[in-house]
Amino acid sequence: MSKNIRALAARCLYAVVDQGRSLSQELPKQQALVESGKDKGLLQEFCYGVLRYLPELEHHVRQFVKKPLTGKQRVFHFLMIVGIYQIKYTRIPDHAAVAETVAATAILKNRHLKGMVNAVLRNFQRLDSTELDDSVAEPVRFNHPGWLIKKLKAGYPEQWQNILTENLQRPPMWLRVNQQKTDVEQYLTLLEDVDIAVKYIAPVSNAILLEQAVDVTKLPNFADGWVSIQDGAAQAAAPLLSARSDDNILDCCAAPGGKTCHILELTPDIKAMTAIDVEPERLVRVEENLARLGLTANVIAGDAANPIDWFDGELFDRILLDAPCSGTGVIRKNPDIKWLRKASDIDNLVVLQQQILAAIWQLLKPGGTMIYATCSILPEENTMQVSRFVEQNADATLATIDMGQDAKDWQILPGQDSMDGFYYAKLLKKS
């Protein structure tokens, strides 16, 4: 098969948007068909970019295609979108974008649509302006589904537009230094030696924000486990948990294992670390991360809502519950979330979170600490969820979080200090 990057992007986007498949699963399949690292990067740029601006790009297609493509022709809808994305949002010369996108029609085995694809792209080129005015519907203007805009307006009446804008940005690159291999100051020197610029050091977690993203192979001693890639917000979990020597710790819903590893890096002399996740295939990443960093944990495939299947009876001193959630705080790095999630999913996730909270709470020792975390920004998954839990459990209290602020819980919004959207609450179990 020819390696026309536009054709591969159209197929990937069709699988994600129309068939509901995850970008993290589909993109690697298409990238495996090309050899050049540059082409792999370009393919990723097309797919991520289109998913960020999907409603806007579809709006432009509808300006020229009055009858939507269906069935086997549907992939050509996404091919035209890929073409328009290149013209509007990349530095690729228009003539090259049009030519390569039109050439992809042969690869996708429908040459008779060549004329339509060519006409749409050339007509788009001729537009005096591609800017959207206020008369365009909000989902198109803000490039988010209507249900999510409605929820953000309700939860953040003063900030919702800023959240939507931040969600369209490219995610920055944060590093976590492995304290068992080196320290932050030494690693900053190594970065300076290879001309990798640092923008910011988080004051509590010592997370390192780079000026711009780099390939991990360029990071000093990455393969030897000196450093990991982890967002600044996620790096707050381990300091908040405050593990101590001889603690028995559970990381619940642990895959891909970044927080498990961070806890072990900060407190290597804990009694035991158990990491569970309901999806066995995702635990492969946990094992890989532990191995690269030279760390050890008891990794178990298990359902957090049904501990009876895996719990050995020894209660935990501290539990990190990174609960399944909508992922609405990490849309910058996972733009497919906007199109894979539905409003009804949120109600189902809230119920699942309640079930897991109730089940895992029983595994915590009296006097123990649980950190409840999500990568969501929706109040029903976060503040409302925790408030309900505390009201329903007389042995649970909500502790103040000391992360540069005095608050009962901590909602980080997308882009705040360059971090992902994230939520933390610290629950203490009465003795």
Protein backbone atom coordinates (compact mmCIF):
# COMPACT_ATOMS: atom_id res chain seq x y z
CA MET A 1 0.00 0.00 0.00
CA SER A 2 1.28 3.45 -0.83
CA LYS A 3 2.27 5.52 2.18
CA ASN A 4 0.29 8.65 1.40
CA ILE A 5 0.12 10.30 4.83
CA ARG A 6 -3.20 12.03 4.04
CA ALA A 7 -4.87 8.72 3.21
CA LEU A 8 -3.62 7.18 6.45
CA ALA A 9 -4.86 10.20 8.42
CA ALA A 10 -8.30 9.99 6.80
CA ARG A 11 -8.58 6.30 7.71
CA CYS A 12 -7.47 6.96 11.28
CA LEU A 13 -9.95 9.81 11.73
CA TYR A 14 -12.78 7.77 10.24
CA ALA A 15 -12.05 5.01 12.76
CA VAL A 16 -12.03 7.44 15.69
CA VAL A 17 -14.92 9.77 14.86
CA ASP A 18 -17.33 7.47 13.04
CA GLN A 19 -16.45 4.11 14.62
CA GLY A 20 -15.71 5.32 18.14
CA ARG A 21 -12.20 3.95 18.41
CA SER A 22 -9.49 5.48 20.56
CA LEU A 23 -6.86 7.64 18.89
CA SER A 24 -4.21 6.03 21.11
CA GLN A 25 -5.10 2.68 19.52
CA GLU A 26 -5.70 3.75 15.92
CA LEU A 27 -2.84 6.18 15.33
CA PRO A 28 -0.05 3.65 16.06
CA LYS A 29 -1.63 1.24 13.56
CA GLN A 30 -1.37 3.82 10.80
CA GLN A 31 2.06 5.04 11.92
CA ALA A 32 3.34 1.46 11.65
CA LEU A 33 2.76 1.69 7.89
CA VAL A 34 5.36 4.43 7.44
CA GLU A 35 9.09 4.23 8.12
CA SER A 36 10.18 7.84 8.35
CA GLY A 37 10.04 9.48 11.76
CA LYS A 38 9.16 12.73 10.03
CA ASP A 39 6.18 11.09 8.31
CA LYS A 40 5.03 9.54 11.59
CA GLY A 41 5.14 12.99 13.15
CA LEU A 42 3.23 14.54 10.26
CA LEU A 43 0.56 11.85 10.50
CA GLN A 44 0.20 12.57 14.21
CA GLU A 45 -0.02 16.31 13.52
CA PHE A 46 -2.88 15.79 11.04
CA CYS A 47 -4.87 13.50 13.33
CA TYR A 48 -4.45 15.53 16.51
CA GLY A 49 -5.02 18.80 14.69
CA VAL A 50 -8.21 17.67 12.98
CA LEU A 51 -9.64 16.35 16.24
CA ARG A 52 -8.95 19.68 17.94
CA TYR A 53 -10.81 21.65 15.27
CA LEU A 54 -13.25 19.04 13.96
CA PRO A 55 -16.56 21.04 14.06
CA GLU A 56 -14.95 24.07 12.46
CA LEU A 57 -13.38 21.95 9.68
CA GLU A 58 -16.65 20.11 9.07
CA HIS A 59 -18.37 23.48 8.83
CA HIS A 60 -16.02 24.44 6.02
CA VAL A 61 -16.68 21.17 4.18
CA ARG A 62 -20.43 21.77 4.44
CA GLN A 63 -19.96 25.11 2.70
CA PHE A 64 -19.12 23.21 -0.50
CA VAL A 65 -20.63 19.72 -0.06
CA LYS A 66 -24.38 19.96 0.43
CA LYS A 67 -25.05 16.22 0.52
CA PRO A 68 -22.94 14.47 3.18
CA LEU A 69 -20.89 11.47 2.09
CA THR A 70 -22.04 8.15 3.55
CA GLY A 71 -21.08 4.49 3.57
CA LYS A 72 -17.78 3.60 1.90
CA GLN A 73 -17.42 7.18 0.72
CA ARG A 74 -17.37 8.49 4.28
CA VAL A 75 -13.57 8.27 4.55
CA PHE A 76 -13.37 10.95 1.83
CA HIS A 77 -15.21 13.35 4.14
CA PHE A 78 -12.25 13.05 6.48
CA LEU A 79 -9.79 13.34 3.61
CA MET A 80 -11.27 16.73 2.69
CA ILE A 81 -11.07 17.76 6.34
CA VAL A 82 -7.40 16.77 6.42
CA GLY A 83 -6.84 18.92 3.34
CA ILE A 84 -8.58 21.95 4.81
CA TYR A 85 -6.69 21.53 8.09
CA GLN A 86 -3.39 21.72 6.21
CA ILE A 87 -4.39 24.89 4.38
CA LYS A 88 -5.76 26.63 7.46
CA TYR A 89 -3.45 25.48 10.25
CA THR A 90 -0.10 24.27 8.89
CA ARG A 91 2.85 25.79 7.08
CA ILE A 92 2.57 23.28 4.25
CA PRO A 93 2.29 25.25 0.99
CA ASP A 94 -1.29 25.25 -0.27
CA HIS A 95 -0.38 23.73 -3.63
CA ALA A 96 1.41 20.82 -1.94
CA ALA A 97 -1.44 20.27 0.52
CA VAL A 98 -3.99 20.17 -2.29
CA ALA A 99 -1.91 17.97 -4.59
CA GLU A 100 -1.04 15.37 -1.94
CA THR A 101 -4.58 15.26 -0.58
CA VAL A 102 -6.10 14.82 -4.05
CA ALA A 103 -3.53 12.09 -4.79
CA ALA A 104 -4.79 10.20 -1.72
CA THR A 105 -8.09 9.52 -3.51
CA ALA A 106 -6.32 6.87 -5.61
CA ILE A 107 -4.89 5.22 -2.49
CA LEU A 108 -8.36 5.14 -0.97
CA LYS A 109 -9.62 3.44 -4.13
CA ASN A 110 -12.24 5.86 -5.32
CA ARG A 111 -10.78 7.94 -8.14
CA HIS A 112 -14.15 9.33 -9.21
CA LEU A 113 -14.19 11.46 -6.05
CA LYS A 114 -10.92 13.08 -7.08
CA GLY A 115 -12.78 15.96 -8.72
CA MET A 116 -14.90 16.64 -5.63
CA VAL A 117 -11.91 16.63 -3.27
CA ASN A 118 -9.96 18.90 -5.61
CA ALA A 119 -12.90 21.32 -6.02
CA VAL A 120 -13.59 21.57 -2.28
CA LEU A 121 -9.96 22.33 -1.42
CA ARG A 122 -9.54 24.88 -4.21
CA ASN A 123 -12.82 26.59 -3.31
CA PHE A 124 -11.67 26.78 0.29
CA GLN A 125 -8.42 28.39 -0.88
CA ARG A 126 -10.41 31.09 -2.64
CA LEU A 127 -12.41 32.15 0.42
CA ASP A 128 -11.77 35.76 1.38
CA SER A 129 -11.83 34.79 5.05
CA THR A 130 -12.02 31.51 6.93
CA GLU A 131 -12.69 33.18 10.27
CA LEU A 132 -15.91 32.18 12.04
CA ASP A 133 -18.32 34.88 13.19
CA ASP A 134 -20.67 34.91 16.16
CA SER A 135 -23.58 33.70 14.06
CA VAL A 136 -22.02 30.24 13.86
CA ALA A 137 -23.27 27.73 16.43
CA GLU A 138 -21.23 27.47 19.64
CA PRO A 139 -20.04 23.87 19.09
CA VAL A 140 -18.50 25.02 15.78
CA ARG A 141 -17.14 28.30 17.11
CA PHE A 142 -15.56 26.71 20.18
CA ASN A 143 -14.76 23.27 18.67
CA HIS A 144 -16.41 21.30 21.49
CA PRO A 145 -19.59 19.22 21.67
CA GLY A 146 -22.65 21.11 22.86
CA TRP A 147 -23.23 18.91 25.91
CA LEU A 148 -19.74 19.66 27.24
CA ILE A 149 -20.06 23.40 26.63
CA LYS A 150 -23.33 23.33 28.60
CA LYS A 151 -21.69 21.53 31.54
CA LEU A 152 -18.73 23.89 31.60
CA LYS A 153 -21.01 26.92 31.53
CA ALA A 154 -22.87 25.53 34.55
CA GLY A 155 -19.73 24.60 36.47
CA TYR A 156 -17.56 27.57 35.51
CA PRO A 157 -19.77 30.52 34.49
CA GLU A 158 -16.82 32.93 34.51
CA GLN A 159 -14.15 30.62 33.09
CA TRP A 160 -15.81 28.33 30.57
CA GLN A 161 -14.56 30.15 27.47
CA ASN A 162 -11.00 30.15 28.75
CA ILE A 163 -11.23 26.41 29.44
CA LEU A 164 -12.42 25.76 25.88
CA THR A 165 -9.57 27.87 24.51
CA GLU A 166 -6.98 26.05 26.62
CA ASN A 167 -8.31 22.69 25.46
CA LEU A 168 -7.31 23.59 21.89
CA GLN A 169 -3.67 24.20 22.81
CA ARG A 170 -0.86 21.71 22.33
CA PRO A 171 0.15 20.15 25.65
CA PRO A 172 3.51 21.19 27.09
CA MET A 173 6.16 18.67 28.13
CA TRP A 174 6.75 18.05 31.83
CA LEU A 175 9.52 15.90 33.31
CA ARG A 176 9.65 13.98 36.58
CA VAL A 177 13.14 13.34 37.93
CA ASN A 178 13.74 9.92 39.50
CA GLN A 179 15.03 10.76 42.98
CA GLN A 180 16.58 7.29 43.25
CA LYS A 181 18.90 8.00 40.32
CA THR A 182 19.69 11.72 40.61
CA ASP A 183 18.26 14.99 41.91
CA VAL A 184 16.55 17.91 40.22
CA GLU A 185 19.54 20.26 40.37
CA GLN A 186 21.86 17.73 38.78
CA TYR A 187 19.35 16.92 36.07
CA LEU A 188 18.84 20.59 35.27
CA THR A 189 22.58 20.78 34.62
CA LEU A 190 22.36 17.79 32.27
CA LEU A 191 19.53 19.46 30.35
CA GLU A 192 21.56 22.64 30.04
CA ASP A 193 24.51 20.62 28.71
CA VAL A 194 22.39 19.35 25.80
CA ASP A 195 20.72 22.73 25.17
CA ILE A 196 17.25 21.74 26.36
CA ALA A 197 15.67 24.88 27.81
CA VAL A 198 13.62 24.77 31.02
CA LYS A 199 10.70 27.16 31.49
CA TYR A 200 9.51 26.48 35.04
CA ILE A 201 10.03 24.32 38.14
CA ALA A 202 6.88 23.51 40.13
CA PRO A 203 7.55 24.63 43.72
CA VAL A 204 6.00 21.66 45.54
CA SER A 205 6.62 18.66 43.29
CA ASN A 206 9.81 19.91 41.56
CA ALA A 207 8.24 18.99 38.23
CA ILE A 208 10.22 20.42 35.30
CA LEU A 209 8.41 22.21 32.49
CA LEU A 210 10.39 22.41 29.24
CA GLU A 211 10.29 25.43 26.93
CA GLN A 212 9.30 23.09 24.12
CA ALA A 213 8.72 19.38 23.67
CA VAL A 214 11.63 17.17 22.61
CA ASP A 215 11.97 13.54 21.58
CA VAL A 216 12.51 11.41 24.70
CA THR A 217 15.69 9.98 23.14
CA LYS A 218 17.23 13.45 23.54
CA LEU A 219 16.62 13.49 27.29
CA PRO A 220 19.81 12.65 29.23
CA ASN A 221 19.74 9.09 30.62
CA PHE A 222 16.06 8.57 29.80
CA ALA A 223 16.59 4.91 28.90
CA ASP A 224 18.39 4.40 32.23
CA GLY A 225 15.38 5.64 34.18
CA TRP A 226 16.65 9.03 35.35
CA VAL A 227 13.55 10.86 34.18
CA SER A 228 9.95 10.26 33.08
CA ILE A 229 7.32 12.19 31.16
CA GLN A 230 4.42 13.18 33.43
CA ASP A 231 2.23 16.27 33.55
CA GLY A 232 2.82 18.72 36.37
CA ALA A 233 -0.66 18.18 37.79
CA ALA A 234 -0.24 14.40 37.94
CA GLN A 235 3.08 14.87 39.76
CA ALA A 236 1.23 16.35 42.73
CA ALA A 237 -0.31 12.96 43.61
CA ALA A 238 2.71 11.41 45.30
CA PRO A 239 3.58 14.46 47.46
CA LEU A 240 -0.07 14.71 48.50
CA LEU A 241 -0.13 11.05 49.53
CA SER A 242 2.89 11.70 51.81
CA ALA A 243 3.98 8.07 52.04
CA ARG A 244 6.14 7.09 55.04
CA SER A 245 8.55 4.30 55.83
CA ASP A 246 6.85 0.93 56.40
CA ASP A 247 3.54 2.07 54.86
CA ASN A 248 1.47 -0.49 52.99
CA ILE A 249 0.24 1.44 49.94
CA LEU A 250 -2.35 0.82 47.23
CA ASP A 251 -2.40 2.61 43.91
CA CYS A 252 -5.88 1.96 42.60
CA CYS A 253 -6.61 2.19 38.84
CA ALA A 254 -2.84 2.56 38.43
CA ALA A 255 -2.13 2.14 34.70
CA PRO A 256 0.10 3.31 33.08
CA GLY A 257 1.94 3.50 36.40
CA GLY A 258 3.37 7.02 36.54
CA LYS A 259 2.03 7.71 40.02
CA THR A 260 3.00 4.25 41.29
CA CYS A 261 6.56 4.90 40.21
CA HIS A 262 6.62 8.43 41.62
CA ILE A 263 5.54 7.20 45.07
CA LEU A 264 8.32 4.59 45.03
CA GLU A 265 10.88 7.14 43.85
CA LEU A 266 10.06 9.46 46.75
CA THR A 267 9.70 6.77 49.43
CA PRO A 268 11.67 3.63 48.52
CA ASP A 269 11.51 2.18 52.04
CA ILE A 270 7.74 1.67 52.19
CA LYS A 271 6.62 -1.77 53.34
CA ALA A 272 4.77 -2.67 50.14
CA MET A 273 3.30 -1.12 47.00
CA THR A 274 0.32 -2.72 45.28
CA ALA A 275 -0.81 -1.41 41.90
CA ILE A 276 -4.12 -2.63 40.46
CA ASP A 277 -5.98 -1.97 37.25
CA VAL A 278 -9.02 -3.63 35.75
CA GLU A 279 -7.48 -3.93 32.27
CA PRO A 280 -4.65 -6.51 32.18
CA GLU A 281 -3.29 -5.21 28.87
CA ARG A 282 -2.75 -1.75 30.39
CA LEU A 283 -0.68 -3.28 33.20
CA VAL A 284 2.01 -4.10 30.64
CA ARG A 285 2.86 -0.38 30.64
CA VAL A 286 3.05 -0.39 34.44
CA GLU A 287 5.54 -3.26 34.36
CA GLU A 288 7.58 -1.54 31.63
CA ASN A 289 7.77 1.71 33.57
CA LEU A 290 8.78 -0.05 36.78
CA ALA A 291 11.50 -1.96 34.93
CA ARG A 292 12.96 1.12 33.22
CA LEU A 293 13.08 3.00 36.51
CA GLY A 294 14.48 0.08 38.51
CA LEU A 295 11.47 -0.13 40.84
CA THR A 296 9.37 -2.98 42.21
CA ALA A 297 5.65 -3.28 42.96
CA ASN A 298 3.01 -5.96 43.28
CA VAL A 299 1.07 -5.49 40.04
CA ILE A 300 -2.41 -7.06 39.98
CA ALA A 301 -5.20 -7.19 37.41
CA GLY A 302 -8.27 -6.49 39.50
CA ASP A 303 -11.57 -4.64 39.61
CA ALA A 304 -11.45 -1.83 42.17
CA ALA A 305 -15.22 -2.08 42.63
CA ASN A 306 -14.90 -5.76 43.65
CA PRO A 307 -11.83 -6.13 45.91
CA ILE A 308 -12.93 -9.55 47.14
CA ASP A 309 -11.41 -11.03 43.97
CA TRP A 310 -7.86 -9.76 44.68
CA PHE A 311 -7.56 -8.29 48.20
CA ASP A 312 -5.38 -10.39 50.54
CA GLY A 313 -6.87 -9.07 53.77
CA GLU A 314 -4.05 -6.75 54.89
CA LEU A 315 -5.40 -3.20 55.16
CA PHE A 316 -3.57 -0.29 53.58
CA ASP A 317 -2.08 2.73 55.36
CA ARG A 318 -2.51 4.96 52.31
CA ILE A 319 -4.49 4.62 49.11
CA LEU A 320 -4.27 6.62 45.91
CA LEU A 321 -7.55 6.30 44.02
CA ASP A 322 -7.07 7.79 40.56
CA ALA A 323 -10.66 7.11 39.62
CA PRO A 324 -12.01 6.32 36.14
CA CYS A 325 -13.39 9.60 34.83
CA SER A 326 -14.45 11.61 31.81
CA GLY A 327 -10.91 12.80 31.08
CA THR A 328 -12.25 16.31 30.48
CA GLY A 329 -9.14 17.80 32.06
CA VAL A 330 -6.73 16.22 29.57
CA ILE A 331 -8.37 17.14 26.26
CA ARG A 332 -5.20 19.01 25.25
CA LYS A 333 -3.34 15.73 24.95
CA ASN A 334 -6.35 13.53 24.09
CA PRO A 335 -8.55 15.59 21.74
CA ASP A 336 -10.53 12.49 20.76
CA ILE A 337 -12.17 12.63 24.21
CA LYS A 338 -14.43 15.40 22.91
CA TRP A 339 -15.88 13.09 20.26
CA LEU A 340 -15.79 9.73 22.06
CA ARG A 341 -17.54 10.89 25.24
CA LYS A 342 -21.30 11.43 25.48
CA ALA A 343 -23.33 13.29 28.10
CA SER A 344 -24.80 9.98 29.32
CA ASP A 345 -21.28 8.68 30.02
CA ILE A 346 -20.87 11.18 32.85
CA ASP A 347 -23.79 9.81 34.86
CA ASN A 348 -22.46 6.28 34.42
CA LEU A 349 -18.97 7.33 35.51
CA VAL A 350 -20.32 9.06 38.61
CA VAL A 351 -22.04 5.83 39.65
CA LEU A 352 -18.87 3.80 39.00
CA GLN A 353 -16.80 6.27 41.06
CA GLN A 354 -19.26 5.91 43.93
CA GLN A 355 -18.99 2.12 43.78
CA ILE A 356 -15.19 2.19 43.76
CA LEU A 357 -14.98 4.77 46.57
CA ALA A 358 -17.27 2.67 48.78
CA ALA A 359 -15.39 -0.56 48.06
CA ILE A 360 -11.84 0.77 48.41
CA TRP A 361 -12.62 2.76 51.56
CA GLN A 362 -13.14 -0.55 53.34
CA LEU A 363 -9.50 -1.49 52.59
CA LEU A 364 -8.08 1.57 54.36
CA LYS A 365 -6.86 1.29 57.94
CA PRO A 366 -8.46 3.49 60.62
CA GLY A 367 -6.25 6.57 60.76
CA GLY A 368 -5.26 6.04 57.12
CA THR A 369 -5.23 8.47 54.19
CA MET A 370 -6.91 8.23 50.81
CA ILE A 371 -6.21 10.62 47.93
CA TYR A 372 -9.15 10.77 45.52
CA ALA A 373 -8.02 12.05 42.13
CA THR A 374 -9.44 12.45 38.64
CA CYS A 375 -8.28 14.06 35.40
CA SER A 376 -11.74 15.61 35.11
CA ILE A 377 -12.93 19.18 35.59
CA LEU A 378 -16.64 18.34 35.98
CA PRO A 379 -17.98 19.13 39.48
CA GLU A 380 -20.21 16.04 39.57
CA GLU A 381 -17.13 13.81 39.36
CA ASN A 382 -15.11 15.87 41.82
CA THR A 383 -16.35 18.27 44.50
CA MET A 384 -19.90 16.92 44.40
CA GLN A 385 -18.69 13.33 44.46
CA VAL A 386 -16.43 13.87 47.47
CA SER A 387 -19.02 15.92 49.39
CA ARG A 388 -21.57 13.14 48.94
CA PHE A 389 -19.06 10.52 50.13
CA VAL A 390 -18.17 12.45 53.28
CA GLU A 391 -21.85 13.02 54.08
CA GLN A 392 -22.58 9.30 53.71
CA ASN A 393 -19.55 8.01 55.68
CA ALA A 394 -19.28 9.11 59.31
CA ASP A 395 -15.67 7.86 59.52
CA ALA A 396 -14.49 10.07 56.63
CA THR A 397 -13.21 13.62 56.94
CA LEU A 398 -11.94 15.94 54.24
CA ALA A 399 -8.46 17.28 55.05
CA THR A 400 -7.03 20.61 53.95
CA ILE A 401 -4.70 20.31 50.98
CA ASP A 402 -1.44 22.20 51.40
CA MET A 403 -0.20 22.77 47.85
CA GLY A 404 0.49 26.48 47.99
CA GLN A 405 -3.12 27.14 48.96
CA ASP A 406 -5.47 26.56 51.87
CA ALA A 407 -8.37 24.55 50.48
CA LYS A 408 -10.42 21.49 51.26
CA ASP A 409 -9.84 20.17 47.77
CA TRP A 410 -7.90 21.21 44.70
CA GLN A 411 -9.40 21.69 41.24
CA ILE A 412 -6.77 22.48 38.63
CA LEU A 413 -8.14 23.82 35.34
CA PRO A 414 -6.53 23.15 31.93
CA GLY A 415 -3.61 25.48 31.32
CA GLN A 416 -3.41 26.62 34.95
CA ASP A 417 0.36 26.96 35.53
CA SER A 418 0.67 25.09 32.22
CA MET A 419 -0.82 21.94 33.79
CA ASP A 420 -3.58 19.57 32.74
CA GLY A 421 -6.98 19.79 34.35
CA PHE A 422 -6.92 17.64 37.50
CA TYR A 423 -8.71 17.22 40.81
CA TYR A 424 -7.50 16.14 44.25
CA ALA A 425 -9.20 15.54 47.59
CA LYS A 426 -7.55 14.17 50.73
CA LEU A 427 -9.78 11.90 52.80
CA LEU A 428 -8.83 10.80 56.31
CA LYS A 429 -10.33 7.73 58.01
CA LYS A 430 -11.13 8.28 61.67
CA SER A 431 -9.40 5.96 64.12
